[in-house]
C-alpha atoms as a PDB file:
ATOM      1  CA  MET A   1     152.607  52.680  91.592  1.00  0.00           C
ATOM      2  CA  LYS A   2     152.882  54.089  88.081  1.00  0.00           C
ATOM      3  CA  LEU A   3     150.293  56.607  86.912  1.00  0.00           C
ATOM      4  CA  THR A   4     150.113  57.974  83.373  1.00  0.00           C
ATOM      5  CA  PHE A   5     147.826  60.484  81.689  1.00  0.00           C
ATOM      6  CA  THR A   6     146.687  60.290  78.065  1.00  0.00           C
ATOM      7  CA  GLU A   7     147.367  63.301  75.851  1.00  0.00           C
ATOM      8  CA  LYS A   8     143.648  64.167  75.848  1.00  0.00           C
ATOM      9  CA  ALA A   9     143.523  64.074  79.653  1.00  0.00           C
ATOM     10  CA  ILE A  10     146.586  66.321  79.841  1.00  0.00           C
ATOM     11  CA  GLU A  11     144.995  68.828  77.443  1.00  0.00           C
ATOM     12  CA  LYS A  12     141.771  68.920  79.473  1.00  0.00           C
ATOM     13  CA  LEU A  13     143.613  69.288  82.782  1.00  0.00           C
ATOM     14  CA  GLU A  14     146.007  71.887  81.435  1.00  0.00           C
ATOM     15  CA  SER A  15     143.063  74.145  80.571  1.00  0.00           C
ATOM     16  CA  LYS A  16     142.225  74.128  84.311  1.00  0.00           C
ATOM     17  CA  LEU A  17     145.718  73.975  85.819  1.00  0.00           C
ATOM     18  CA  ALA A  18     147.941  76.018  83.505  1.00  0.00           C
ATOM     19  CA  ASN A  19     148.894  78.613  86.126  1.00  0.00           C
ATOM     20  CA  SER A  20     148.183  76.599  89.262  1.00  0.00           C
ATOM     21  CA  ASN A  21     150.750  75.859  91.940  1.00  0.00           C
ATOM     22  CA  LYS A  22     148.321  73.538  93.747  1.00  0.00           C
ATOM     23  CA  TRP A  23     148.639  69.742  93.788  1.00  0.00           C
ATOM     24  CA  LEU A  24     146.717  67.088  91.897  1.00  0.00           C
ATOM     25  CA  LYS A  25     145.670  64.276  94.227  1.00  0.00           C
ATOM     26  CA  LEU A  26     144.321  60.852  93.322  1.00  0.00           C
ATOM     27  CA  LYS A  27     141.909  60.511  96.208  1.00  0.00           C
ATOM     28  CA  TYR A  28     140.281  57.277  97.319  1.00  0.00           C
ATOM     29  CA  ASP A  29     137.174  58.974  98.679  1.00  0.00           C
ATOM     30  CA  THR A  30     135.160  57.057 101.268  1.00  0.00           C
ATOM     31  CA  GLU A  31     132.924  59.952 102.375  1.00  0.00           C
ATOM     32  CA  GLY A  32     129.366  58.651 102.630  1.00  0.00           C
ATOM     33  CA  CYS A  33     130.314  55.159 101.417  1.00  0.00           C
ATOM     34  CA  GLY A  34     129.828  53.452 104.768  1.00  0.00           C
ATOM     35  CA  CYS A  35     132.905  51.257 104.397  1.00  0.00           C
ATOM     36  CA  VAL A  36     136.508  51.891 103.407  1.00  0.00           C
ATOM     37  CA  VAL A  37     136.402  49.154 100.733  1.00  0.00           C
ATOM     38  CA  SER A  38     133.486  50.940  99.044  1.00  0.00           C
ATOM     39  CA  GLY A  39     135.473  54.066  98.187  1.00  0.00           C
ATOM     40  CA  VAL A  40     135.459  55.908  94.876  1.00  0.00           C
ATOM     41  CA  ALA A  41     138.507  57.310  93.108  1.00  0.00           C
ATOM     42  CA  ALA A  42     138.444  61.042  92.387  1.00  0.00           C
ATOM     43  CA  LEU A  43     140.932  63.571  91.082  1.00  0.00           C
ATOM     44  CA  TRP A  44     141.257  66.415  93.585  1.00  0.00           C
ATOM     45  CA  HIS A  45     142.999  69.769  93.187  1.00  0.00           C
ATOM     46  CA  VAL A  46     144.363  70.558  96.653  1.00  0.00           C
ATOM     47  CA  GLU A  47     146.326  73.328  98.372  1.00  0.00           C
ATOM     48  CA  LYS A  48     148.883  71.203 100.206  1.00  0.00           C
ATOM     49  CA  GLN A  49     150.367  67.778 100.750  1.00  0.00           C
ATOM     50  CA  GLU A  50     149.120  65.887 103.827  1.00  0.00           C
ATOM     51  CA  ASP A  51     151.366  63.826 106.142  1.00  0.00           C
ATOM     52  CA  ASP A  52     150.182  60.491 104.669  1.00  0.00           C
ATOM     53  CA  ASP A  53     150.576  61.571 101.014  1.00  0.00           C
ATOM     54  CA  LEU A  54     153.171  60.119  98.687  1.00  0.00           C
ATOM     55  CA  VAL A  55     154.269  61.978  95.562  1.00  0.00           C
ATOM     56  CA  LEU A  56     153.949  59.993  92.329  1.00  0.00           C
ATOM     57  CA  GLU A  57     155.930  61.205  89.346  1.00  0.00           C
ATOM     58  CA  THR A  58     153.829  60.948  86.184  1.00  0.00           C
ATOM     59  CA  ASN A  59     154.151  61.852  82.517  1.00  0.00           C
ATOM     60  CA  TYR A  60     152.274  65.105  83.272  1.00  0.00           C
ATOM     61  CA  ARG A  61     152.902  66.519  86.759  1.00  0.00           C
ATOM     62  CA  PRO A  62     153.400  65.038  90.223  1.00  0.00           C
ATOM     63  CA  VAL A  63     150.273  63.539  91.799  1.00  0.00           C
ATOM     64  CA  LEU A  64     149.625  62.945  95.486  1.00  0.00           C
ATOM     65  CA  VAL A  65     148.159  59.678  96.745  1.00  0.00           C
ATOM     66  CA  GLU A  66     147.527  58.582 100.316  1.00  0.00           C
ATOM     67  CA  LYS A  67     150.021  55.892 101.315  1.00  0.00           C
ATOM     68  CA  THR A  68     147.368  53.971 103.282  1.00  0.00           C
ATOM     69  CA  LYS A  69     145.085  53.858 100.202  1.00  0.00           C
ATOM     70  CA  LEU A  70     147.622  52.410  97.745  1.00  0.00           C
ATOM     71  CA  VAL A  71     146.245  48.936  98.458  1.00  0.00           C
ATOM     72  CA  PHE A  72     143.047  49.881  96.569  1.00  0.00           C
ATOM     73  CA  PHE A  73     144.889  50.672  93.322  1.00  0.00           C
ATOM     74  CA  ASP A  74     146.806  48.612  90.755  1.00  0.00           C
ATOM     75  CA  ASP A  75     150.548  48.967  90.134  1.00  0.00           C
ATOM     76  CA  GLU A  76     150.035  50.636  86.735  1.00  0.00           C
ATOM     77  CA  MET A  77     147.091  52.906  86.042  1.00  0.00           C
ATOM     78  CA  LYS A  78     146.003  55.415  83.428  1.00  0.00           C
ATOM     79  CA  ILE A  79     143.830  58.524  83.496  1.00  0.00           C
ATOM     80  CA  ASP A  80     141.934  59.327  80.289  1.00  0.00           C
ATOM     81  CA  ILE A  81     138.858  61.401  79.507  1.00  0.00           C
ATOM     82  CA  VAL A  82     135.278  60.467  78.699  1.00  0.00           C
ATOM     83  CA  GLU A  83     134.297  63.311  76.394  1.00  0.00           C
ATOM     84  CA  SER A  84     130.608  62.397  76.219  1.00  0.00           C
ATOM     85  CA  ALA A  85     130.303  62.662  80.018  1.00  0.00           C
ATOM     86  CA  ASN A  86     132.814  65.522  80.498  1.00  0.00           C
ATOM     87  CA  CYS A  87     134.757  63.540  83.098  1.00  0.00           C
ATOM     88  CA  TYR A  88     137.806  61.320  83.503  1.00  0.00           C
ATOM     89  CA  ILE A  89     138.272  57.564  83.646  1.00  0.00           C
ATOM     90  CA  LEU A  90     140.760  55.772  85.882  1.00  0.00           C
ATOM     91  CA  LYS A  91     141.707  52.338  84.611  1.00  0.00           C
ATOM     92  CA  SER A  92     144.377  49.672  84.539  1.00  0.00           C
ATOM     93  CA  ALA A  93     144.948  46.655  82.322  1.00  0.00           C
ATOM     94  CA  ASN A  94     142.886  44.640  84.823  1.00  0.00           C
ATOM     95  CA  GLN A  95     139.908  46.860  85.629  1.00  0.00           C
ATOM     96  CA  ILE A  96     138.155  50.200  85.530  1.00  0.00           C
ATOM     97  CA  PHE A  97     138.378  51.927  88.891  1.00  0.00           C
ATOM     98  CA  ASN A  98     136.045  54.805  88.090  1.00  0.00           C
ATOM     99  CA  PRO A  99     134.442  55.234  84.652  1.00  0.00           C
ATOM    100  CA  ARG A 100     133.205  58.739  85.563  1.00  0.00           C
ATOM    101  CA  MET A 101     135.915  60.188  87.761  1.00  0.00           C
ATOM    102  CA  MET A 102     135.315  63.817  88.632  1.00  0.00           C
ATOM    103  CA  PHE A 103     137.807  66.646  88.976  1.00  0.00           C
ATOM    104  CA  VAL A 104     137.131  68.289  92.358  1.00  0.00           C
ATOM    105  CA  GLU A 105     138.454  71.710  93.273  1.00  0.00           C
ATOM    106  CA  LYS A 106     139.233  71.632  97.007  1.00  0.00           C
ATOM    107  CA  GLY A 107     139.680  74.918  98.843  1.00  0.00           C
ATOM    108  CA  GLU A 108     141.860  75.702 101.831  1.00  0.00           C
ATOM    109  CA  GLU A 109     140.468  73.923 104.870  1.00  0.00           C
ATOM    110  CA  LYS A 110     139.619  76.286 107.719  1.00  0.00           C
END
């Protein structure tokens, strides 16, 4: 899978992540969806890599993605921003995965 960020998305993320040593994770979130095929893509900021995570090299910084969730994404995707909604958009040439993708700060799990 190839993931790229637009320059505007990089600028917006860099304002949040400039001094961070945490990971960005493209999460296929199924919490509260009722079914795994009804998940929603989100951009998480996480403390550590999980056992099922793969590391994707991007034009910005490495991004984690769960190996078992790759099936829900296209081979080439892009993250951009939606300035009017203060959020991100995840899209490919074929579809929009999430037109209002949120950046979620995840803390250390206890």
